[in-house]
Amino acid sequence: MASKGRRSRGNAAQLKRYWATGPGSAKIRWNTAGDHKRCSRQLAKYLGPRAKAYCARLHFERTGVWPGDRRNIGRRR
């Protein structure tokens, strides 16, 4: 009998697409002030403490800069 554990959780690529370019992206509003914080809050429900690191990678992919970088739009001076 096959285990349903992995299959029922979804596809990682599909979830990444949802949060990077799909409807989840609209909730986060990438490349605006506070986008990393919004992402971390949204994904903390699903990823727990790993959300900040995952959102940092998504932030870099979407904006081209890491959160906290001086070139970041939302960075406080």
C-alpha atoms as a PDB file:
ATOM      1  CA  MET A   1       0.000   0.000   0.000  1.00  0.00           C
ATOM      2  CA  ALA A   2       1.472   3.358  -1.057  1.00  0.00           C
ATOM      3  CA  SER A   3       1.861   6.178   1.402  1.00  0.00           C
ATOM      4  CA  LYS A   4      -0.123   9.366   0.741  1.00  0.00           C
ATOM      5  CA  GLY A   5       2.121  11.547   2.913  1.00  0.00           C
ATOM      6  CA  ARG A   6       4.130  13.323   0.265  1.00  0.00           C
ATOM      7  CA  ARG A   7       1.534  13.462  -2.475  1.00  0.00           C
ATOM      8  CA  SER A   8      -1.172  15.113  -0.397  1.00  0.00           C
ATOM      9  CA  ARG A   9       1.049  18.055   0.580  1.00  0.00           C
ATOM     10  CA  GLY A  10       1.373  19.498  -2.924  1.00  0.00           C
ATOM     11  CA  ASN A  11       4.112  20.327  -5.307  1.00  0.00           C
ATOM     12  CA  ALA A  12       6.988  22.596  -4.168  1.00  0.00           C
ATOM     13  CA  ALA A  13       7.338  24.198  -7.601  1.00  0.00           C
ATOM     14  CA  GLN A  14       3.621  24.951  -7.676  1.00  0.00           C
ATOM     15  CA  LEU A  15       3.744  26.601  -4.248  1.00  0.00           C
ATOM     16  CA  LYS A  16       6.796  28.646  -5.214  1.00  0.00           C
ATOM     17  CA  ARG A  17       5.001  29.824  -8.361  1.00  0.00           C
ATOM     18  CA  TYR A  18       1.950  30.773  -6.245  1.00  0.00           C
ATOM     19  CA  TRP A  19       3.972  32.941  -3.840  1.00  0.00           C
ATOM     20  CA  ALA A  20       6.415  34.342  -6.406  1.00  0.00           C
ATOM     21  CA  THR A  21       4.149  35.231  -9.347  1.00  0.00           C
ATOM     22  CA  GLY A  22       0.600  34.033  -8.620  1.00  0.00           C
ATOM     23  CA  PRO A  23      -2.165  35.180  -6.285  1.00  0.00           C
ATOM     24  CA  GLY A  24       0.176  34.948  -3.294  1.00  0.00           C
ATOM     25  CA  SER A  25       2.413  37.494  -4.973  1.00  0.00           C
ATOM     26  CA  ALA A  26      -0.460  39.986  -4.992  1.00  0.00           C
ATOM     27  CA  LYS A  27      -0.780  39.570  -1.207  1.00  0.00           C
ATOM     28  CA  ILE A  28       2.933  40.232  -0.721  1.00  0.00           C
ATOM     29  CA  ARG A  29       3.311  43.051  -3.295  1.00  0.00           C
ATOM     30  CA  TRP A  30       6.942  42.355  -4.177  1.00  0.00           C
ATOM     31  CA  ASN A  31       9.334  45.288  -4.647  1.00  0.00           C
ATOM     32  CA  THR A  32       7.432  47.572  -2.284  1.00  0.00           C
ATOM     33  CA  ALA A  33       8.328  48.611   1.246  1.00  0.00           C
ATOM     34  CA  GLY A  34       7.670  45.796   3.742  1.00  0.00           C
ATOM     35  CA  ASP A  35       7.444  42.987   1.200  1.00  0.00           C
ATOM     36  CA  HIS A  36       9.770  40.640   3.101  1.00  0.00           C
ATOM     37  CA  LYS A  37       7.849  41.157   6.335  1.00  0.00           C
ATOM     38  CA  ARG A  38       4.505  40.506   4.624  1.00  0.00           C
ATOM     39  CA  CYS A  39       5.905  37.344   3.052  1.00  0.00           C
ATOM     40  CA  SER A  40       7.271  36.109   6.384  1.00  0.00           C
ATOM     41  CA  ARG A  41       3.944  36.687   8.095  1.00  0.00           C
ATOM     42  CA  GLN A  42       1.954  34.937   5.376  1.00  0.00           C
ATOM     43  CA  LEU A  43       4.245  31.903   5.149  1.00  0.00           C
ATOM     44  CA  ALA A  44       4.881  31.516   8.901  1.00  0.00           C
ATOM     45  CA  LYS A  45       1.522  29.738   9.091  1.00  0.00           C
ATOM     46  CA  TYR A  46       2.827  27.024   6.793  1.00  0.00           C
ATOM     47  CA  LEU A  47       6.617  26.985   7.275  1.00  0.00           C
ATOM     48  CA  GLY A  48       7.074  28.136  10.866  1.00  0.00           C
ATOM     49  CA  PRO A  49      10.571  29.495  11.605  1.00  0.00           C
ATOM     50  CA  ARG A  50      11.789  28.552   8.104  1.00  0.00           C
ATOM     51  CA  ALA A  51       9.560  31.231   6.564  1.00  0.00           C
ATOM     52  CA  LYS A  52      12.074  34.068   6.899  1.00  0.00           C
ATOM     53  CA  ALA A  53      14.798  32.206   5.014  1.00  0.00           C
ATOM     54  CA  TYR A  54      12.403  31.044   2.301  1.00  0.00           C
ATOM     55  CA  CYS A  55      11.061  34.570   1.888  1.00  0.00           C
ATOM     56  CA  ALA A  56      14.588  35.967   1.703  1.00  0.00           C
ATOM     57  CA  ARG A  57      15.296  33.669  -1.253  1.00  0.00           C
ATOM     58  CA  LEU A  58      12.002  34.604  -2.928  1.00  0.00           C
ATOM     59  CA  HIS A  59      12.751  38.276  -2.299  1.00  0.00           C
ATOM     60  CA  PHE A  60      16.114  37.958  -4.016  1.00  0.00           C
ATOM     61  CA  GLU A  61      14.599  36.132  -6.990  1.00  0.00           C
ATOM     62  CA  ARG A  62      11.803  38.681  -7.417  1.00  0.00           C
ATOM     63  CA  THR A  63      13.678  41.935  -6.738  1.00  0.00           C
ATOM     64  CA  GLY A  64      17.336  41.161  -7.388  1.00  0.00           C
ATOM     65  CA  VAL A  65      18.488  42.321  -3.937  1.00  0.00           C
ATOM     66  CA  TRP A  66      18.521  40.634  -0.542  1.00  0.00           C
ATOM     67  CA  PRO A  67      16.327  41.948   2.285  1.00  0.00           C
ATOM     68  CA  GLY A  68      18.303  44.467   4.332  1.00  0.00           C
ATOM     69  CA  ASP A  69      20.588  45.385   1.431  1.00  0.00           C
ATOM     70  CA  ARG A  70      21.141  49.129   1.047  1.00  0.00           C
ATOM     71  CA  ARG A  71      19.743  48.922  -2.496  1.00  0.00           C
ATOM     72  CA  ASN A  72      16.458  47.513  -1.218  1.00  0.00           C
ATOM     73  CA  ILE A  73      13.444  49.781  -1.774  1.00  0.00           C
ATOM     74  CA  GLY A  74      11.926  49.187   1.654  1.00  0.00           C
ATOM     75  CA  ARG A  75      15.136  49.619   3.638  1.00  0.00           C
ATOM     76  CA  ARG A  76      15.127  52.273   6.360  1.00  0.00           C
ATOM     77  CA  ARG A  77      18.040  54.655   6.185  1.00  0.00           C
END
